N, C-alpha and C. Protein backbone atom coordinates (compact mmCIF):
# COMPACT_ATOMS: atom_id res chain seq x y z
N MET A 1 0.83 -1.19 0.00
CA MET A 1 0.00 0.00 0.00
C MET A 1 0.87 1.25 0.00
N GLN A 2 0.55 2.17 -0.88
CA GLN A 2 1.30 3.43 -0.98
C GLN A 2 0.81 4.40 0.09
N VAL A 3 1.74 4.98 0.82
CA VAL A 3 1.40 5.94 1.87
C VAL A 3 1.63 7.35 1.34
N THR A 4 0.64 8.20 1.52
CA THR A 4 0.75 9.61 1.14
C THR A 4 1.37 10.37 2.28
N LEU A 5 2.46 11.08 2.00
CA LEU A 5 3.17 11.82 3.05
C LEU A 5 2.86 13.31 3.04
N ILE A 6 2.24 13.80 1.97
CA ILE A 6 1.90 15.21 1.87
C ILE A 6 0.40 15.36 2.06
N SER A 7 0.01 16.26 2.94
CA SER A 7 -1.40 16.52 3.21
C SER A 7 -1.62 18.02 3.19
N GLU A 8 -2.75 18.44 2.64
CA GLU A 8 -3.09 19.85 2.66
C GLU A 8 -3.91 20.10 3.91
N ILE A 9 -3.36 20.89 4.80
CA ILE A 9 -4.02 21.17 6.07
C ILE A 9 -4.74 22.51 5.94
N THR A 10 -5.99 22.56 6.40
CA THR A 10 -6.82 23.76 6.30
C THR A 10 -7.12 24.29 7.69
N CYS A 11 -6.78 25.54 7.91
CA CYS A 11 -7.04 26.18 9.20
C CYS A 11 -8.54 26.43 9.36
N PRO A 12 -9.14 25.94 10.45
CA PRO A 12 -10.57 26.16 10.65
C PRO A 12 -10.91 27.61 11.04
N GLU A 13 -9.89 28.36 11.45
CA GLU A 13 -10.13 29.75 11.87
C GLU A 13 -10.18 30.71 10.69
N CYS A 14 -9.22 30.59 9.76
CA CYS A 14 -9.14 31.56 8.67
C CYS A 14 -9.29 30.94 7.28
N GLY A 15 -9.28 29.59 7.21
CA GLY A 15 -9.45 28.92 5.92
C GLY A 15 -8.19 28.79 5.10
N PHE A 16 -7.06 29.25 5.63
CA PHE A 16 -5.79 29.16 4.91
C PHE A 16 -5.40 27.70 4.71
N LYS A 17 -4.90 27.37 3.53
CA LYS A 17 -4.49 26.00 3.22
C LYS A 17 -2.99 25.96 2.95
N SER A 18 -2.36 24.90 3.44
CA SER A 18 -0.93 24.74 3.26
C SER A 18 -0.60 23.26 3.11
N GLU A 19 0.23 22.92 2.12
CA GLU A 19 0.68 21.55 1.96
C GLU A 19 1.85 21.31 2.91
N GLU A 20 1.74 20.25 3.69
CA GLU A 20 2.76 19.93 4.69
C GLU A 20 3.12 18.45 4.60
N GLU A 21 4.37 18.15 4.94
CA GLU A 21 4.81 16.75 4.99
C GLU A 21 4.51 16.20 6.38
N MET A 22 3.89 15.03 6.41
CA MET A 22 3.53 14.41 7.68
C MET A 22 4.67 13.56 8.19
N PRO A 23 4.90 13.55 9.51
CA PRO A 23 5.91 12.65 10.07
C PRO A 23 5.44 11.20 9.94
N VAL A 24 6.36 10.29 9.67
CA VAL A 24 5.98 8.89 9.50
C VAL A 24 6.06 8.10 10.80
N ASP A 25 6.77 8.62 11.79
CA ASP A 25 6.99 7.85 13.01
C ASP A 25 6.49 8.54 14.28
N ALA A 26 5.66 9.56 14.11
CA ALA A 26 5.14 10.28 15.27
C ALA A 26 3.87 11.02 14.88
N CYS A 27 3.07 11.32 15.89
CA CYS A 27 1.88 12.13 15.67
C CYS A 27 2.23 13.60 15.85
N GLN A 28 1.58 14.45 15.09
CA GLN A 28 1.78 15.88 15.27
C GLN A 28 0.56 16.44 15.99
N PHE A 29 0.76 16.79 17.25
CA PHE A 29 -0.35 17.24 18.09
C PHE A 29 -0.66 18.71 17.92
N PHE A 30 0.32 19.51 17.52
CA PHE A 30 0.12 20.94 17.37
C PHE A 30 0.59 21.39 15.99
N TYR A 31 -0.09 22.39 15.45
CA TYR A 31 0.30 22.98 14.17
C TYR A 31 -0.09 24.45 14.21
N GLN A 32 0.87 25.31 13.89
CA GLN A 32 0.58 26.74 13.86
C GLN A 32 0.28 27.17 12.43
N CYS A 33 -0.88 27.78 12.23
CA CYS A 33 -1.28 28.27 10.92
C CYS A 33 -0.28 29.31 10.44
N ASN A 34 0.16 29.17 9.19
CA ASN A 34 1.12 30.12 8.62
C ASN A 34 0.51 31.48 8.35
N ASN A 35 -0.82 31.57 8.36
CA ASN A 35 -1.49 32.83 8.04
C ASN A 35 -1.92 33.58 9.31
N CYS A 36 -2.79 32.98 10.11
CA CYS A 36 -3.34 33.70 11.28
C CYS A 36 -2.62 33.36 12.58
N LYS A 37 -1.71 32.39 12.54
CA LYS A 37 -0.85 32.01 13.67
C LYS A 37 -1.59 31.29 14.80
N VAL A 38 -2.86 30.91 14.60
CA VAL A 38 -3.56 30.13 15.62
C VAL A 38 -2.90 28.75 15.70
N VAL A 39 -2.86 28.18 16.90
CA VAL A 39 -2.28 26.86 17.09
C VAL A 39 -3.41 25.83 17.09
N LEU A 40 -3.37 24.92 16.12
CA LEU A 40 -4.38 23.88 15.99
C LEU A 40 -4.00 22.68 16.85
N LYS A 41 -5.03 22.05 17.40
CA LYS A 41 -4.88 20.80 18.15
C LYS A 41 -5.86 19.80 17.54
N PRO A 42 -5.61 18.50 17.68
CA PRO A 42 -6.54 17.52 17.12
C PRO A 42 -7.94 17.65 17.72
N LYS A 43 -8.95 17.37 16.89
CA LYS A 43 -10.32 17.30 17.40
C LYS A 43 -10.44 16.08 18.29
N GLN A 44 -11.43 16.10 19.18
CA GLN A 44 -11.64 14.97 20.08
C GLN A 44 -11.85 13.70 19.26
N GLY A 45 -11.11 12.65 19.61
CA GLY A 45 -11.20 11.37 18.92
C GLY A 45 -10.18 11.19 17.81
N ASP A 46 -9.52 12.27 17.40
CA ASP A 46 -8.46 12.18 16.39
C ASP A 46 -7.10 12.15 17.06
N CYS A 47 -6.14 11.51 16.40
CA CYS A 47 -4.82 11.36 17.01
C CYS A 47 -3.86 12.50 16.69
N CYS A 48 -4.12 13.24 15.61
CA CYS A 48 -3.19 14.31 15.23
C CYS A 48 -3.91 15.38 14.42
N VAL A 49 -3.23 16.49 14.17
CA VAL A 49 -3.84 17.59 13.42
C VAL A 49 -4.11 17.21 11.97
N PHE A 50 -3.33 16.29 11.40
CA PHE A 50 -3.57 15.88 10.02
C PHE A 50 -4.86 15.08 9.91
N CYS A 51 -5.16 14.26 10.90
CA CYS A 51 -6.41 13.50 10.90
C CYS A 51 -7.61 14.43 11.06
N SER A 52 -7.42 15.54 11.74
CA SER A 52 -8.52 16.48 11.97
C SER A 52 -8.69 17.49 10.84
N TYR A 53 -7.59 18.01 10.30
CA TYR A 53 -7.68 19.14 9.39
C TYR A 53 -7.02 18.92 8.03
N GLY A 54 -6.45 17.74 7.82
CA GLY A 54 -5.73 17.48 6.58
C GLY A 54 -6.56 16.74 5.54
N THR A 55 -6.05 16.70 4.32
CA THR A 55 -6.72 15.99 3.24
C THR A 55 -6.43 14.50 3.29
N HIS A 56 -5.42 14.10 4.05
CA HIS A 56 -5.07 12.69 4.22
C HIS A 56 -4.85 12.40 5.69
N LYS A 57 -5.25 11.22 6.12
CA LYS A 57 -4.98 10.77 7.49
C LYS A 57 -3.48 10.56 7.65
N CYS A 58 -3.01 10.48 8.87
CA CYS A 58 -1.58 10.29 9.14
C CYS A 58 -1.11 8.93 8.63
N PRO A 59 0.20 8.80 8.34
CA PRO A 59 0.74 7.54 7.80
C PRO A 59 0.38 6.29 8.59
N PRO A 60 0.44 6.27 9.93
CA PRO A 60 0.06 5.03 10.62
C PRO A 60 -1.39 4.61 10.33
N LEU A 61 -2.31 5.55 10.30
CA LEU A 61 -3.70 5.19 10.03
C LEU A 61 -3.90 4.78 8.57
N GLN A 62 -3.10 5.33 7.67
CA GLN A 62 -3.19 4.93 6.26
C GLN A 62 -2.80 3.46 6.07
N THR A 63 -1.94 2.96 6.96
CA THR A 63 -1.50 1.57 6.85
C THR A 63 -2.20 0.67 7.87
N ASN A 64 -3.30 1.14 8.40
CA ASN A 64 -4.12 0.38 9.36
C ASN A 64 -3.36 -0.01 10.63
N LYS A 65 -2.45 0.85 11.07
CA LYS A 65 -1.74 0.63 12.33
C LYS A 65 -2.29 1.61 13.35
N SER A 66 -2.07 1.31 14.60
CA SER A 66 -2.53 2.24 15.62
C SER A 66 -1.65 3.48 15.60
N CYS A 67 -2.26 4.57 15.95
CA CYS A 67 -1.55 5.84 15.93
C CYS A 67 -1.31 6.29 17.36
N CYS A 68 -0.12 6.68 17.64
CA CYS A 68 0.28 7.23 18.93
C CYS A 68 -0.07 6.32 20.07
């Protein structure tokens, strides 16, 4: 299975979108928007900001492994 490492993350505060590379061996719990500078945290039930605000789930979930 091919794992996508680039995800477009969308800030829920200002709508700014940015393509970011996801870590393959860790969850990213915080992400600062490049536009409005708000710090994003995962939504309840999600393991990382990419699972909450990205176009692709994090690499561990893409390969059906547990995350964090």
